[in-house]
Amino acid sequence: MTELTTERLRLRPVCARDVDAIHAALQDIEVARWLSRVPYPYGRGDAEWFAGEVEAGRIPAHAVHDAEGFAGVIAIDPTLGYWFARDRWGRGYATEAGRAVLAAHFADPAAETVEAGYYDENEGSGRVLAKLGFEPAGPQMLPSMVLGHDVPGQKVRLTRQRWQSLQDEARRKAA
């Protein structure tokens, strides 16, 4: 997994030096409640395990950094998942980081369709995924470790063909 950069962000593999920031950000219930596979409270041991799994190559997650430091995490494993510390919400980072990891994903000729999901109540995530080009694949129940039960949500997907078409369209508009 390589480092990626965008206009405002640096994405690099999660490592042990991110543990404190990950642990602190996921102590915020308003962040954790939107994530299906994150326990709450989120212990320091959880953050250490996660960083260790990334360093061992078992989870392809990027730590996202802005000019102020650690901002969040994004991964395609094989679904697209992301979260950002609450003080970074509303800055467009999820869309910007999402474009970077999707471009890297689809640069691999063997890369397949990417899926994602979001809770019905998480309209912000739905908008991010739509901006990235994901198309509806239908309703689904999504697990919530925070709530301890499944929650109504939406499944979305992005094919290589759609990604390429959107990139071609953006290039034409920029020319």
N, C-alpha and C. Protein backbone atom coordinates (compact mmCIF):
# COMPACT_ATOMS: atom_id res chain seq x y z
N MET A 1 0.85 -1.17 0.00
CA MET A 1 0.00 0.00 0.00
C MET A 1 0.90 1.24 0.00
N THR A 2 0.61 2.11 -0.92
CA THR A 2 1.46 3.28 -1.07
C THR A 2 0.83 4.53 -0.45
N GLU A 3 1.65 5.53 -0.28
CA GLU A 3 1.18 6.82 0.19
C GLU A 3 0.50 7.54 -0.97
N LEU A 4 -0.58 8.25 -0.66
CA LEU A 4 -1.33 9.02 -1.66
C LEU A 4 -1.41 10.46 -1.18
N THR A 5 -1.41 11.38 -2.12
CA THR A 5 -1.58 12.78 -1.76
C THR A 5 -2.66 13.41 -2.64
N THR A 6 -3.35 14.37 -2.07
CA THR A 6 -4.34 15.15 -2.79
C THR A 6 -3.98 16.62 -2.58
N GLU A 7 -4.82 17.50 -3.03
CA GLU A 7 -4.55 18.92 -2.87
C GLU A 7 -4.36 19.30 -1.40
N ARG A 8 -5.19 18.72 -0.51
CA ARG A 8 -5.14 19.10 0.91
C ARG A 8 -4.76 17.98 1.86
N LEU A 9 -4.67 16.76 1.37
CA LEU A 9 -4.53 15.61 2.25
C LEU A 9 -3.34 14.73 1.91
N ARG A 10 -2.84 14.06 2.93
CA ARG A 10 -1.82 13.02 2.76
C ARG A 10 -2.39 11.74 3.36
N LEU A 11 -2.40 10.69 2.56
CA LEU A 11 -2.91 9.40 3.00
C LEU A 11 -1.74 8.43 3.03
N ARG A 12 -1.49 7.84 4.19
CA ARG A 12 -0.42 6.87 4.32
C ARG A 12 -0.94 5.71 5.14
N PRO A 13 -0.31 4.55 5.02
CA PRO A 13 -0.80 3.40 5.80
C PRO A 13 -0.84 3.72 7.30
N VAL A 14 -1.91 3.29 7.95
CA VAL A 14 -2.03 3.43 9.40
C VAL A 14 -0.85 2.72 10.04
N CYS A 15 -0.30 3.31 11.10
CA CYS A 15 0.80 2.69 11.82
C CYS A 15 0.67 2.97 13.31
N ALA A 16 1.60 2.45 14.09
CA ALA A 16 1.54 2.56 15.55
C ALA A 16 1.48 4.01 16.02
N ARG A 17 2.09 4.92 15.30
CA ARG A 17 2.05 6.32 15.77
C ARG A 17 0.67 6.97 15.62
N ASP A 18 -0.27 6.28 14.98
CA ASP A 18 -1.64 6.78 14.85
C ASP A 18 -2.55 6.30 15.98
N VAL A 19 -2.08 5.40 16.81
CA VAL A 19 -2.92 4.77 17.83
C VAL A 19 -3.60 5.79 18.72
N ASP A 20 -2.86 6.74 19.26
CA ASP A 20 -3.47 7.73 20.17
C ASP A 20 -4.57 8.53 19.47
N ALA A 21 -4.33 8.96 18.23
CA ALA A 21 -5.31 9.77 17.51
C ALA A 21 -6.54 8.94 17.15
N ILE A 22 -6.35 7.70 16.73
CA ILE A 22 -7.48 6.83 16.41
C ILE A 22 -8.30 6.59 17.67
N HIS A 23 -7.63 6.25 18.74
CA HIS A 23 -8.32 5.99 20.00
C HIS A 23 -9.12 7.22 20.44
N ALA A 24 -8.52 8.38 20.40
CA ALA A 24 -9.20 9.61 20.83
C ALA A 24 -10.42 9.91 19.95
N ALA A 25 -10.27 9.81 18.64
CA ALA A 25 -11.37 10.15 17.73
C ALA A 25 -12.54 9.19 17.90
N LEU A 26 -12.27 7.91 18.13
CA LEU A 26 -13.35 6.94 18.23
C LEU A 26 -13.95 6.86 19.63
N GLN A 27 -13.49 7.71 20.54
CA GLN A 27 -14.16 7.88 21.83
C GLN A 27 -15.41 8.74 21.67
N ASP A 28 -15.52 9.42 20.55
CA ASP A 28 -16.67 10.28 20.27
C ASP A 28 -17.80 9.40 19.73
N ILE A 29 -18.86 9.29 20.49
CA ILE A 29 -20.00 8.46 20.08
C ILE A 29 -20.59 8.93 18.76
N GLU A 30 -20.50 10.22 18.47
CA GLU A 30 -21.03 10.74 17.21
C GLU A 30 -20.23 10.27 16.00
N VAL A 31 -19.00 9.84 16.20
CA VAL A 31 -18.20 9.24 15.13
C VAL A 31 -18.48 7.74 15.10
N ALA A 32 -18.34 7.09 16.25
CA ALA A 32 -18.46 5.63 16.34
C ALA A 32 -19.85 5.12 15.93
N ARG A 33 -20.90 5.88 16.18
CA ARG A 33 -22.25 5.38 15.92
C ARG A 33 -22.54 5.13 14.45
N TRP A 34 -21.76 5.73 13.55
CA TRP A 34 -21.99 5.55 12.13
C TRP A 34 -21.17 4.42 11.53
N LEU A 35 -20.40 3.72 12.35
CA LEU A 35 -19.50 2.67 11.87
C LEU A 35 -20.03 1.31 12.29
N SER A 36 -20.09 0.38 11.35
CA SER A 36 -20.69 -0.92 11.66
C SER A 36 -19.77 -1.84 12.46
N ARG A 37 -18.46 -1.76 12.25
CA ARG A 37 -17.56 -2.73 12.87
C ARG A 37 -16.69 -2.15 13.99
N VAL A 38 -17.10 -1.05 14.55
CA VAL A 38 -16.31 -0.41 15.61
C VAL A 38 -17.07 -0.53 16.93
N PRO A 39 -16.44 -1.08 17.96
CA PRO A 39 -17.10 -1.17 19.26
C PRO A 39 -17.09 0.19 19.97
N TYR A 40 -18.00 0.32 20.93
CA TYR A 40 -18.00 1.52 21.76
C TYR A 40 -18.29 1.09 23.18
N PRO A 41 -17.52 1.50 24.15
CA PRO A 41 -16.37 2.39 23.97
C PRO A 41 -15.24 1.69 23.21
N TYR A 42 -14.48 2.49 22.52
CA TYR A 42 -13.36 2.01 21.72
C TYR A 42 -12.11 2.12 22.58
N GLY A 43 -11.56 0.97 22.94
CA GLY A 43 -10.40 0.95 23.83
C GLY A 43 -9.08 1.19 23.11
N ARG A 44 -8.09 1.56 23.88
CA ARG A 44 -6.75 1.73 23.32
C ARG A 44 -6.27 0.43 22.69
N GLY A 45 -6.59 -0.69 23.29
CA GLY A 45 -6.23 -1.99 22.73
C GLY A 45 -6.85 -2.23 21.37
N ASP A 46 -8.07 -1.71 21.16
CA ASP A 46 -8.71 -1.82 19.85
C ASP A 46 -7.90 -1.06 18.80
N ALA A 47 -7.45 0.14 19.16
CA ALA A 47 -6.65 0.95 18.23
C ALA A 47 -5.30 0.29 17.97
N GLU A 48 -4.69 -0.28 18.99
CA GLU A 48 -3.40 -0.98 18.81
C GLU A 48 -3.58 -2.19 17.91
N TRP A 49 -4.66 -2.96 18.10
CA TRP A 49 -4.92 -4.12 17.25
C TRP A 49 -5.08 -3.67 15.80
N PHE A 50 -5.89 -2.63 15.57
CA PHE A 50 -6.14 -2.13 14.22
C PHE A 50 -4.84 -1.70 13.55
N ALA A 51 -4.04 -0.90 14.22
CA ALA A 51 -2.76 -0.45 13.64
C ALA A 51 -1.86 -1.64 13.34
N GLY A 52 -1.84 -2.62 14.23
CA GLY A 52 -1.03 -3.82 14.00
C GLY A 52 -1.49 -4.62 12.80
N GLU A 53 -2.80 -4.71 12.60
CA GLU A 53 -3.33 -5.42 11.43
C GLU A 53 -2.96 -4.72 10.13
N VAL A 54 -2.99 -3.40 10.14
CA VAL A 54 -2.58 -2.64 8.95
C VAL A 54 -1.09 -2.83 8.71
N GLU A 55 -0.28 -2.70 9.75
CA GLU A 55 1.17 -2.86 9.59
C GLU A 55 1.54 -4.26 9.12
N ALA A 56 0.74 -5.26 9.49
CA ALA A 56 0.99 -6.65 9.07
C ALA A 56 0.46 -6.92 7.66
N GLY A 57 -0.21 -5.94 7.06
CA GLY A 57 -0.71 -6.11 5.70
C GLY A 57 -2.05 -6.80 5.60
N ARG A 58 -2.75 -6.97 6.71
CA ARG A 58 -4.04 -7.66 6.67
C ARG A 58 -5.23 -6.72 6.46
N ILE A 59 -5.04 -5.44 6.74
CA ILE A 59 -6.09 -4.44 6.50
C ILE A 59 -5.44 -3.29 5.74
N PRO A 60 -5.96 -2.97 4.55
CA PRO A 60 -5.35 -1.89 3.74
C PRO A 60 -5.93 -0.51 4.06
N ALA A 61 -5.64 0.00 5.25
CA ALA A 61 -6.25 1.27 5.67
C ALA A 61 -5.22 2.40 5.65
N HIS A 62 -5.67 3.54 5.19
CA HIS A 62 -4.86 4.75 5.17
C HIS A 62 -5.26 5.68 6.31
N ALA A 63 -4.28 6.23 7.00
CA ALA A 63 -4.51 7.35 7.91
C ALA A 63 -4.54 8.60 7.03
N VAL A 64 -5.53 9.44 7.25
CA VAL A 64 -5.67 10.67 6.47
C VAL A 64 -5.19 11.83 7.33
N HIS A 65 -4.28 12.62 6.77
CA HIS A 65 -3.73 13.77 7.48
C HIS A 65 -3.97 15.03 6.68
N ASP A 66 -4.33 16.08 7.40
CA ASP A 66 -4.44 17.41 6.79
C ASP A 66 -3.34 18.29 7.38
N ALA A 67 -3.40 19.57 7.15
CA ALA A 67 -2.37 20.48 7.65
C ALA A 67 -2.30 20.50 9.18
N GLU A 68 -3.39 20.12 9.84
CA GLU A 68 -3.43 20.12 11.30
C GLU A 68 -2.99 18.79 11.91
N GLY A 69 -2.88 17.73 11.11
CA GLY A 69 -2.49 16.42 11.62
C GLY A 69 -3.50 15.35 11.24
N PHE A 70 -3.63 14.35 12.10
CA PHE A 70 -4.51 13.21 11.85
C PHE A 70 -5.96 13.68 11.72
N ALA A 71 -6.63 13.21 10.64
CA ALA A 71 -8.01 13.61 10.39
C ALA A 71 -8.98 12.43 10.40
N GLY A 72 -8.51 11.23 9.99
CA GLY A 72 -9.40 10.08 9.93
C GLY A 72 -8.74 8.90 9.25
N VAL A 73 -9.58 7.94 8.86
CA VAL A 73 -9.12 6.70 8.24
C VAL A 73 -10.00 6.38 7.05
N ILE A 74 -9.40 5.82 6.01
CA ILE A 74 -10.15 5.37 4.83
C ILE A 74 -9.53 4.09 4.31
N ALA A 75 -10.36 3.18 3.80
CA ALA A 75 -9.86 1.90 3.30
C ALA A 75 -10.82 1.32 2.27
N ILE A 76 -10.25 0.48 1.40
CA ILE A 76 -11.05 -0.39 0.54
C ILE A 76 -10.58 -1.80 0.87
N ASP A 77 -11.49 -2.58 1.51
CA ASP A 77 -11.05 -3.90 1.98
C ASP A 77 -12.12 -4.99 2.00
N PRO A 78 -12.84 -5.38 1.04
CA PRO A 78 -12.97 -4.88 -0.32
C PRO A 78 -14.02 -3.78 -0.46
N THR A 79 -14.75 -3.47 0.63
CA THR A 79 -15.70 -2.37 0.56
C THR A 79 -15.02 -1.07 0.95
N LEU A 80 -15.54 0.03 0.47
CA LEU A 80 -15.03 1.33 0.86
C LEU A 80 -15.61 1.69 2.22
N GLY A 81 -14.72 2.04 3.14
CA GLY A 81 -15.13 2.48 4.46
C GLY A 81 -14.27 3.66 4.87
N TYR A 82 -14.83 4.56 5.65
CA TYR A 82 -14.08 5.74 6.08
C TYR A 82 -14.74 6.33 7.31
N TRP A 83 -13.95 7.06 8.04
CA TRP A 83 -14.47 7.89 9.13
C TRP A 83 -13.49 9.02 9.37
N PHE A 84 -14.02 10.13 9.88
CA PHE A 84 -13.20 11.30 10.17
C PHE A 84 -13.56 11.82 11.55
N ALA A 85 -12.56 12.35 12.24
CA ALA A 85 -12.80 12.97 13.54
C ALA A 85 -13.85 14.07 13.35
N ARG A 86 -14.69 14.24 14.36
CA ARG A 86 -15.82 15.17 14.21
C ARG A 86 -15.37 16.59 13.89
N ASP A 87 -14.21 17.02 14.39
CA ASP A 87 -13.77 18.39 14.09
C ASP A 87 -13.34 18.56 12.65
N ARG A 88 -13.30 17.46 11.88
CA ARG A 88 -12.96 17.54 10.45
C ARG A 88 -14.18 17.39 9.55
N TRP A 89 -15.36 17.17 10.11
CA TRP A 89 -16.57 17.01 9.32
C TRP A 89 -16.88 18.31 8.58
N GLY A 90 -17.48 18.16 7.41
CA GLY A 90 -17.92 19.32 6.64
C GLY A 90 -16.84 20.00 5.82
N ARG A 91 -15.68 19.41 5.73
CA ARG A 91 -14.58 20.01 4.97
C ARG A 91 -14.38 19.35 3.60
N GLY A 92 -15.17 18.33 3.28
CA GLY A 92 -15.02 17.64 2.01
C GLY A 92 -13.92 16.59 2.00
N TYR A 93 -13.39 16.26 3.16
CA TYR A 93 -12.27 15.31 3.21
C TYR A 93 -12.67 13.90 2.78
N ALA A 94 -13.87 13.45 3.12
CA ALA A 94 -14.28 12.10 2.75
C ALA A 94 -14.33 11.96 1.23
N THR A 95 -14.85 12.97 0.55
CA THR A 95 -14.91 12.92 -0.91
C THR A 95 -13.50 12.99 -1.50
N GLU A 96 -12.67 13.88 -1.00
CA GLU A 96 -11.31 14.04 -1.52
C GLU A 96 -10.47 12.79 -1.30
N ALA A 97 -10.52 12.24 -0.10
CA ALA A 97 -9.77 11.02 0.19
C ALA A 97 -10.36 9.84 -0.57
N GLY A 98 -11.69 9.82 -0.70
CA GLY A 98 -12.34 8.74 -1.44
C GLY A 98 -11.90 8.71 -2.89
N ARG A 99 -11.81 9.87 -3.51
CA ARG A 99 -11.35 9.91 -4.91
C ARG A 99 -9.93 9.37 -5.03
N ALA A 100 -9.09 9.69 -4.06
CA ALA A 100 -7.70 9.22 -4.11
C ALA A 100 -7.61 7.71 -3.98
N VAL A 101 -8.32 7.12 -3.02
CA VAL A 101 -8.21 5.67 -2.87
C VAL A 101 -8.90 4.93 -4.00
N LEU A 102 -9.99 5.50 -4.54
CA LEU A 102 -10.64 4.85 -5.68
C LEU A 102 -9.77 4.93 -6.93
N ALA A 103 -9.09 6.05 -7.15
CA ALA A 103 -8.17 6.15 -8.30
C ALA A 103 -7.06 5.12 -8.17
N ALA A 104 -6.52 4.96 -6.98
CA ALA A 104 -5.47 3.95 -6.76
C ALA A 104 -6.02 2.55 -6.97
N HIS A 105 -7.22 2.31 -6.47
CA HIS A 105 -7.85 0.99 -6.63
C HIS A 105 -8.04 0.65 -8.10
N PHE A 106 -8.66 1.56 -8.84
CA PHE A 106 -8.97 1.28 -10.24
C PHE A 106 -7.76 1.40 -11.16
N ALA A 107 -6.63 1.89 -10.66
CA ALA A 107 -5.39 1.88 -11.45
C ALA A 107 -4.89 0.46 -11.65
N ASP A 108 -5.30 -0.45 -10.80
CA ASP A 108 -4.96 -1.87 -10.92
C ASP A 108 -5.91 -2.50 -11.94
N PRO A 109 -5.39 -3.01 -13.05
CA PRO A 109 -6.27 -3.59 -14.08
C PRO A 109 -7.13 -4.75 -13.57
N ALA A 110 -6.73 -5.39 -12.49
CA ALA A 110 -7.50 -6.51 -11.95
C ALA A 110 -8.53 -6.07 -10.92
N ALA A 111 -8.57 -4.79 -10.60
CA ALA A 111 -9.49 -4.30 -9.57
C ALA A 111 -10.94 -4.46 -10.01
N GLU A 112 -11.74 -4.85 -9.06
CA GLU A 112 -13.14 -5.10 -9.35
C GLU A 112 -14.02 -4.00 -8.77
N THR A 113 -15.31 -4.17 -8.93
CA THR A 113 -16.32 -3.25 -8.40
C THR A 113 -16.11 -3.04 -6.90
N VAL A 114 -16.33 -1.81 -6.46
CA VAL A 114 -16.24 -1.47 -5.05
C VAL A 114 -17.65 -1.28 -4.52
N GLU A 115 -17.91 -1.86 -3.38
CA GLU A 115 -19.20 -1.68 -2.74
C GLU A 115 -19.02 -0.86 -1.47
N ALA A 116 -20.09 -0.28 -1.00
CA ALA A 116 -20.10 0.45 0.26
C ALA A 116 -21.52 0.41 0.80
N GLY A 117 -21.66 0.80 2.03
CA GLY A 117 -22.98 0.87 2.62
C GLY A 117 -23.03 2.01 3.62
N TYR A 118 -24.22 2.49 3.87
CA TYR A 118 -24.40 3.54 4.87
C TYR A 118 -25.77 3.38 5.51
N TYR A 119 -25.85 3.81 6.77
CA TYR A 119 -27.13 3.78 7.48
C TYR A 119 -28.06 4.82 6.88
N ASP A 120 -29.35 4.49 6.82
CA ASP A 120 -30.33 5.43 6.26
C ASP A 120 -30.25 6.80 6.93
N GLU A 121 -30.00 6.84 8.21
CA GLU A 121 -29.94 8.11 8.94
C GLU A 121 -28.68 8.91 8.64
N ASN A 122 -27.69 8.29 8.01
CA ASN A 122 -26.42 8.97 7.73
C ASN A 122 -26.45 9.58 6.33
N GLU A 123 -27.22 10.63 6.19
CA GLU A 123 -27.39 11.26 4.88
C GLU A 123 -26.08 11.83 4.35
N GLY A 124 -25.20 12.30 5.24
CA GLY A 124 -23.91 12.84 4.81
C GLY A 124 -23.09 11.81 4.08
N SER A 125 -23.05 10.60 4.60
CA SER A 125 -22.29 9.55 3.94
C SER A 125 -22.93 9.17 2.61
N GLY A 126 -24.25 9.18 2.56
CA GLY A 126 -24.94 8.92 1.29
C GLY A 126 -24.55 9.94 0.23
N ARG A 127 -24.46 11.21 0.63
CA ARG A 127 -24.07 12.26 -0.33
C ARG A 127 -22.62 12.07 -0.78
N VAL A 128 -21.73 11.72 0.14
CA VAL A 128 -20.32 11.50 -0.23
C VAL A 128 -20.24 10.38 -1.27
N LEU A 129 -20.89 9.27 -1.00
CA LEU A 129 -20.82 8.13 -1.91
C LEU A 129 -21.42 8.47 -3.27
N ALA A 130 -22.49 9.25 -3.30
CA ALA A 130 -23.07 9.68 -4.58
C ALA A 130 -22.09 10.57 -5.34
N LYS A 131 -21.42 11.50 -4.64
CA LYS A 131 -20.42 12.36 -5.30
C LYS A 131 -19.28 11.54 -5.89
N LEU A 132 -18.96 10.42 -5.24
CA LEU A 132 -17.88 9.56 -5.73
C LEU A 132 -18.33 8.70 -6.92
N GLY A 133 -19.62 8.69 -7.21
CA GLY A 133 -20.12 7.94 -8.36
C GLY A 133 -20.81 6.64 -8.02
N PHE A 134 -20.91 6.30 -6.75
CA PHE A 134 -21.58 5.06 -6.36
C PHE A 134 -23.05 5.13 -6.74
N GLU A 135 -23.58 3.99 -7.15
CA GLU A 135 -24.98 3.90 -7.56
C GLU A 135 -25.72 2.96 -6.60
N PRO A 136 -27.01 3.22 -6.38
CA PRO A 136 -27.79 2.39 -5.46
C PRO A 136 -27.81 0.93 -5.89
N ALA A 137 -27.67 0.05 -4.90
CA ALA A 137 -27.77 -1.39 -5.15
C ALA A 137 -28.88 -2.00 -4.30
N GLY A 138 -29.55 -1.17 -3.52
CA GLY A 138 -30.70 -1.64 -2.76
C GLY A 138 -30.55 -1.49 -1.27
N PRO A 139 -31.68 -1.58 -0.59
CA PRO A 139 -31.65 -1.49 0.87
C PRO A 139 -31.05 -2.75 1.47
N GLN A 140 -30.49 -2.59 2.66
CA GLN A 140 -29.96 -3.74 3.38
C GLN A 140 -29.90 -3.40 4.86
N MET A 141 -29.88 -4.41 5.68
CA MET A 141 -29.67 -4.22 7.11
C MET A 141 -28.16 -4.28 7.34
N LEU A 142 -27.65 -3.29 8.06
CA LEU A 142 -26.23 -3.20 8.35
C LEU A 142 -26.00 -3.38 9.84
N PRO A 143 -24.95 -4.11 10.21
CA PRO A 143 -24.68 -4.30 11.63
C PRO A 143 -24.22 -3.00 12.29
N SER A 144 -24.52 -2.87 13.56
CA SER A 144 -24.03 -1.75 14.35
C SER A 144 -23.55 -2.31 15.68
N MET A 145 -22.22 -2.36 15.86
CA MET A 145 -21.68 -2.83 17.14
C MET A 145 -22.04 -1.85 18.25
N VAL A 146 -22.11 -0.56 17.93
CA VAL A 146 -22.43 0.45 18.94
C VAL A 146 -23.84 0.22 19.49
N LEU A 147 -24.80 -0.02 18.61
CA LEU A 147 -26.19 -0.21 19.02
C LEU A 147 -26.49 -1.65 19.42
N GLY A 148 -25.67 -2.59 18.93
CA GLY A 148 -25.88 -3.99 19.28
C GLY A 148 -26.95 -4.68 18.45
N HIS A 149 -27.32 -4.09 17.32
CA HIS A 149 -28.30 -4.73 16.44
C HIS A 149 -28.14 -4.16 15.03
N ASP A 150 -28.81 -4.81 14.08
CA ASP A 150 -28.76 -4.34 12.69
C ASP A 150 -29.62 -3.09 12.53
N VAL A 151 -29.20 -2.25 11.57
CA VAL A 151 -29.83 -0.96 11.33
C VAL A 151 -30.16 -0.86 9.84
N PRO A 152 -31.31 -0.28 9.47
CA PRO A 152 -31.63 -0.12 8.05
C PRO A 152 -30.59 0.76 7.35
N GLY A 153 -30.20 0.32 6.17
CA GLY A 153 -29.21 1.08 5.41
C GLY A 153 -29.35 0.85 3.93
N GLN A 154 -28.39 1.39 3.21
CA GLN A 154 -28.36 1.28 1.76
C GLN A 154 -27.03 0.69 1.31
N LYS A 155 -27.11 -0.18 0.33
CA LYS A 155 -25.91 -0.73 -0.31
C LYS A 155 -25.73 0.02 -1.62
N VAL A 156 -24.49 0.40 -1.90
CA VAL A 156 -24.17 1.09 -3.16
C VAL A 156 -22.94 0.44 -3.77
N ARG A 157 -22.76 0.66 -5.07
CA ARG A 157 -21.59 0.08 -5.73
C ARG A 157 -21.07 1.00 -6.82
N LEU A 158 -19.79 0.84 -7.10
CA LEU A 158 -19.12 1.62 -8.15
C LEU A 158 -18.33 0.65 -9.02
N THR A 159 -18.72 0.57 -10.29
CA THR A 159 -18.02 -0.30 -11.22
C THR A 159 -16.84 0.43 -11.83
N ARG A 160 -15.91 -0.33 -12.34
CA ARG A 160 -14.76 0.25 -13.05
C ARG A 160 -15.25 1.09 -14.23
N GLN A 161 -16.22 0.59 -14.96
CA GLN A 161 -16.73 1.30 -16.13
C GLN A 161 -17.31 2.65 -15.73
N ARG A 162 -18.10 2.68 -14.67
CA ARG A 162 -18.68 3.96 -14.22
C ARG A 162 -17.58 4.90 -13.74
N TRP A 163 -16.62 4.38 -12.98
CA TRP A 163 -15.50 5.22 -12.50
C TRP A 163 -14.78 5.85 -13.68
N GLN A 164 -14.45 5.03 -14.68
CA GLN A 164 -13.72 5.54 -15.83
C GLN A 164 -14.54 6.57 -16.60
N SER A 165 -15.82 6.32 -16.75
CA SER A 165 -16.69 7.27 -17.43
C SER A 165 -16.72 8.61 -16.70
N LEU A 166 -16.80 8.58 -15.39
CA LEU A 166 -16.81 9.82 -14.60
C LEU A 166 -15.48 10.56 -14.72
N GLN A 167 -14.37 9.82 -14.76
CA GLN A 167 -13.05 10.45 -14.89
C GLN A 167 -12.90 11.08 -16.28
N ASP A 168 -13.38 10.37 -17.31
CA ASP A 168 -13.33 10.92 -18.67
C ASP A 168 -14.16 12.20 -18.78
N GLU A 169 -15.33 12.19 -18.16
CA GLU A 169 -16.20 13.37 -18.18
C GLU A 169 -15.53 14.55 -17.46
N ALA A 170 -14.90 14.29 -16.33
CA ALA A 170 -14.21 15.36 -15.59
C ALA A 170 -13.07 15.94 -16.41
N ARG A 171 -12.33 15.09 -17.12
CA ARG A 171 -11.24 15.58 -17.97
C ARG A 171 -11.77 16.44 -19.11
N ARG A 172 -12.89 16.04 -19.71
CA ARG A 172 -13.47 16.83 -20.80
C ARG A 172 -13.91 18.20 -20.30
N LYS A 173 -14.50 18.26 -19.11
CA LYS A 173 -14.95 19.53 -18.54
C LYS A 173 -13.77 20.45 -18.21
N ALA A 174 -12.66 19.85 -17.79
CA ALA A 174 -11.47 20.63 -17.40
C ALA A 174 -10.72 21.16 -18.62
N ALA A 175 -10.92 20.53 -19.77
CA ALA A 175 -10.18 20.93 -20.98
C ALA A 175 -10.72 22.18 -21.61
